Amino acid sequence: MTSPILSWALPLALLMLVLAMGCTLVRLLRGPTAQDRVLALDCMYLNAMLVMLVLGLLYDSTHYFEAALLMAILGFVGSVAMAKFLLRGEVIE
């Protein structure tokens, strides 16, 4: 049973997140510096994770939540690796 508010709020939230991913994609492709591109990629995985959570609520499935958790872990590790590479020029010391 979904409430009437959720029946229109979840698709609206999904649309807004997809629009945010589109704006982030523009910054990822046009970013003047590598730091802008890394920040855009970080924002992109965060928006994708939120899309997965909204889809989990919309379809009432726990598989989406597990996928969002996996995306969060991999995105964090990737962000740390990219930041370390930008600071030092190498990931493994």
C-alpha atoms as a PDB file:
ATOM      1  CA  MET A   1       0.000   0.000   0.000  1.00  0.00           C
ATOM      2  CA  THR A   2       1.495   3.288  -1.058  1.00  0.00           C
ATOM      3  CA  SER A   3       0.129   6.576   0.068  1.00  0.00           C
ATOM      4  CA  PRO A   4      -1.279   8.990  -2.502  1.00  0.00           C
ATOM      5  CA  ILE A   5       1.567  11.395  -1.816  1.00  0.00           C
ATOM      6  CA  LEU A   6       4.198   8.772  -2.627  1.00  0.00           C
ATOM      7  CA  SER A   7       2.449   7.833  -5.863  1.00  0.00           C
ATOM      8  CA  TRP A   8       3.381  11.197  -7.378  1.00  0.00           C
ATOM      9  CA  ALA A   9       6.387  12.164  -5.237  1.00  0.00           C
ATOM     10  CA  LEU A  10       8.555   9.173  -6.143  1.00  0.00           C
ATOM     11  CA  PRO A  11       8.323   9.624  -9.946  1.00  0.00           C
ATOM     12  CA  LEU A  12       8.926  13.354  -9.463  1.00  0.00           C
ATOM     13  CA  ALA A  13      11.997  12.641  -7.339  1.00  0.00           C
ATOM     14  CA  LEU A  14      13.209  10.190  -9.978  1.00  0.00           C
ATOM     15  CA  LEU A  15      12.805  12.827 -12.689  1.00  0.00           C
ATOM     16  CA  MET A  16      14.688  15.422 -10.638  1.00  0.00           C
ATOM     17  CA  LEU A  17      17.542  13.013  -9.966  1.00  0.00           C
ATOM     18  CA  VAL A  18      17.829  12.141 -13.643  1.00  0.00           C
ATOM     19  CA  LEU A  19      17.940  15.867 -14.475  1.00  0.00           C
ATOM     20  CA  ALA A  20      20.665  16.333 -11.864  1.00  0.00           C
ATOM     21  CA  MET A  21      22.623  13.488 -13.445  1.00  0.00           C
ATOM     22  CA  GLY A  22      22.286  15.221 -16.818  1.00  0.00           C
ATOM     23  CA  CYS A  23      23.673  18.470 -15.408  1.00  0.00           C
ATOM     24  CA  THR A  24      26.496  16.553 -13.785  1.00  0.00           C
ATOM     25  CA  LEU A  25      27.282  14.832 -17.072  1.00  0.00           C
ATOM     26  CA  VAL A  26      27.711  18.237 -18.700  1.00  0.00           C
ATOM     27  CA  ARG A  27      30.191  19.233 -15.982  1.00  0.00           C
ATOM     28  CA  LEU A  28      31.965  15.902 -16.346  1.00  0.00           C
ATOM     29  CA  LEU A  29      32.468  16.412 -20.073  1.00  0.00           C
ATOM     30  CA  ARG A  30      33.206  20.158 -20.038  1.00  0.00           C
ATOM     31  CA  GLY A  31      35.033  20.531 -16.719  1.00  0.00           C
ATOM     32  CA  PRO A  32      38.058  22.753 -17.173  1.00  0.00           C
ATOM     33  CA  THR A  33      40.194  20.952 -14.589  1.00  0.00           C
ATOM     34  CA  ALA A  34      40.644  17.367 -13.461  1.00  0.00           C
ATOM     35  CA  GLN A  35      39.344  18.277 -10.014  1.00  0.00           C
ATOM     36  CA  ASP A  36      36.053  19.453 -11.545  1.00  0.00           C
ATOM     37  CA  ARG A  37      35.725  16.177 -13.392  1.00  0.00           C
ATOM     38  CA  VAL A  38      36.426  14.108 -10.272  1.00  0.00           C
ATOM     39  CA  LEU A  39      33.873  16.111  -8.306  1.00  0.00           C
ATOM     40  CA  ALA A  40      31.332  15.647 -11.104  1.00  0.00           C
ATOM     41  CA  LEU A  41      31.990  11.903 -11.147  1.00  0.00           C
ATOM     42  CA  ASP A  42      31.533  11.796  -7.371  1.00  0.00           C
ATOM     43  CA  CYS A  43      28.229  13.636  -7.701  1.00  0.00           C
ATOM     44  CA  MET A  44      27.207  11.311 -10.536  1.00  0.00           C
ATOM     45  CA  TYR A  45      27.614   8.146  -8.474  1.00  0.00           C
ATOM     46  CA  LEU A  46      25.798   9.788  -5.569  1.00  0.00           C
ATOM     47  CA  ASN A  47      22.857  10.665  -7.819  1.00  0.00           C
ATOM     48  CA  ALA A  48      22.870   7.143  -9.285  1.00  0.00           C
ATOM     49  CA  MET A  49      22.784   5.701  -5.785  1.00  0.00           C
ATOM     50  CA  LEU A  50      19.806   7.904  -4.919  1.00  0.00           C
ATOM     51  CA  VAL A  51      18.052   6.804  -8.121  1.00  0.00           C
ATOM     52  CA  MET A  52      18.505   3.200  -7.002  1.00  0.00           C
ATOM     53  CA  LEU A  53      17.008   4.022  -3.599  1.00  0.00           C
ATOM     54  CA  VAL A  54      13.998   5.756  -5.163  1.00  0.00           C
ATOM     55  CA  LEU A  55      13.493   2.786  -7.493  1.00  0.00           C
ATOM     56  CA  GLY A  56      13.635   0.498  -4.453  1.00  0.00           C
ATOM     57  CA  LEU A  57      10.856   2.484  -2.817  1.00  0.00           C
ATOM     58  CA  LEU A  58       8.869   2.678  -6.043  1.00  0.00           C
ATOM     59  CA  TYR A  59       9.019  -1.059  -6.809  1.00  0.00           C
ATOM     60  CA  ASP A  60       9.083  -2.159  -3.151  1.00  0.00           C
ATOM     61  CA  SER A  61      12.143  -4.367  -3.623  1.00  0.00           C
ATOM     62  CA  THR A  62      15.137  -4.853  -1.354  1.00  0.00           C
ATOM     63  CA  HIS A  63      17.482  -5.682  -4.233  1.00  0.00           C
ATOM     64  CA  TYR A  64      17.703  -2.013  -5.164  1.00  0.00           C
ATOM     65  CA  PHE A  65      18.841  -1.129  -1.645  1.00  0.00           C
ATOM     66  CA  GLU A  66      21.605  -3.712  -1.776  1.00  0.00           C
ATOM     67  CA  ALA A  67      22.741  -2.376  -5.138  1.00  0.00           C
ATOM     68  CA  ALA A  68      22.731   1.181  -3.742  1.00  0.00           C
ATOM     69  CA  LEU A  69      24.887   0.079  -0.810  1.00  0.00           C
ATOM     70  CA  LEU A  70      27.353  -1.560  -3.183  1.00  0.00           C
ATOM     71  CA  MET A  71      27.449   1.589  -5.322  1.00  0.00           C
ATOM     72  CA  ALA A  72      28.138   3.711  -2.245  1.00  0.00           C
ATOM     73  CA  ILE A  73      31.049   1.537  -1.160  1.00  0.00           C
ATOM     74  CA  LEU A  74      32.616   1.364  -4.606  1.00  0.00           C
ATOM     75  CA  GLY A  75      32.053   5.071  -5.206  1.00  0.00           C
ATOM     76  CA  PHE A  76      33.749   6.007  -1.954  1.00  0.00           C
ATOM     77  CA  VAL A  77      36.766   3.824  -2.701  1.00  0.00           C
ATOM     78  CA  GLY A  78      36.957   5.244  -6.217  1.00  0.00           C
ATOM     79  CA  SER A  79      36.771   8.819  -4.935  1.00  0.00           C
ATOM     80  CA  VAL A  80      39.561   8.210  -2.446  1.00  0.00           C
ATOM     81  CA  ALA A  81      41.730   6.620  -5.126  1.00  0.00           C
ATOM     82  CA  MET A  82      41.150   9.488  -7.563  1.00  0.00           C
ATOM     83  CA  ALA A  83      41.875  12.105  -4.908  1.00  0.00           C
ATOM     84  CA  LYS A  84      45.084  10.354  -3.944  1.00  0.00           C
ATOM     85  CA  PHE A  85      46.095  10.112  -7.596  1.00  0.00           C
ATOM     86  CA  LEU A  86      45.469  13.815  -8.153  1.00  0.00           C
ATOM     87  CA  LEU A  87      47.451  14.794  -5.065  1.00  0.00           C
ATOM     88  CA  ARG A  88      50.456  12.512  -5.436  1.00  0.00           C
ATOM     89  CA  GLY A  89      50.384  11.134  -8.983  1.00  0.00           C
ATOM     90  CA  GLU A  90      50.215   7.530  -7.783  1.00  0.00           C
ATOM     91  CA  VAL A  91      47.643   5.394  -6.011  1.00  0.00           C
ATOM     92  CA  ILE A  92      49.825   2.654  -4.547  1.00  0.00           C
ATOM     93  CA  GLU A  93      52.899   3.771  -2.645  1.00  0.00           C
END
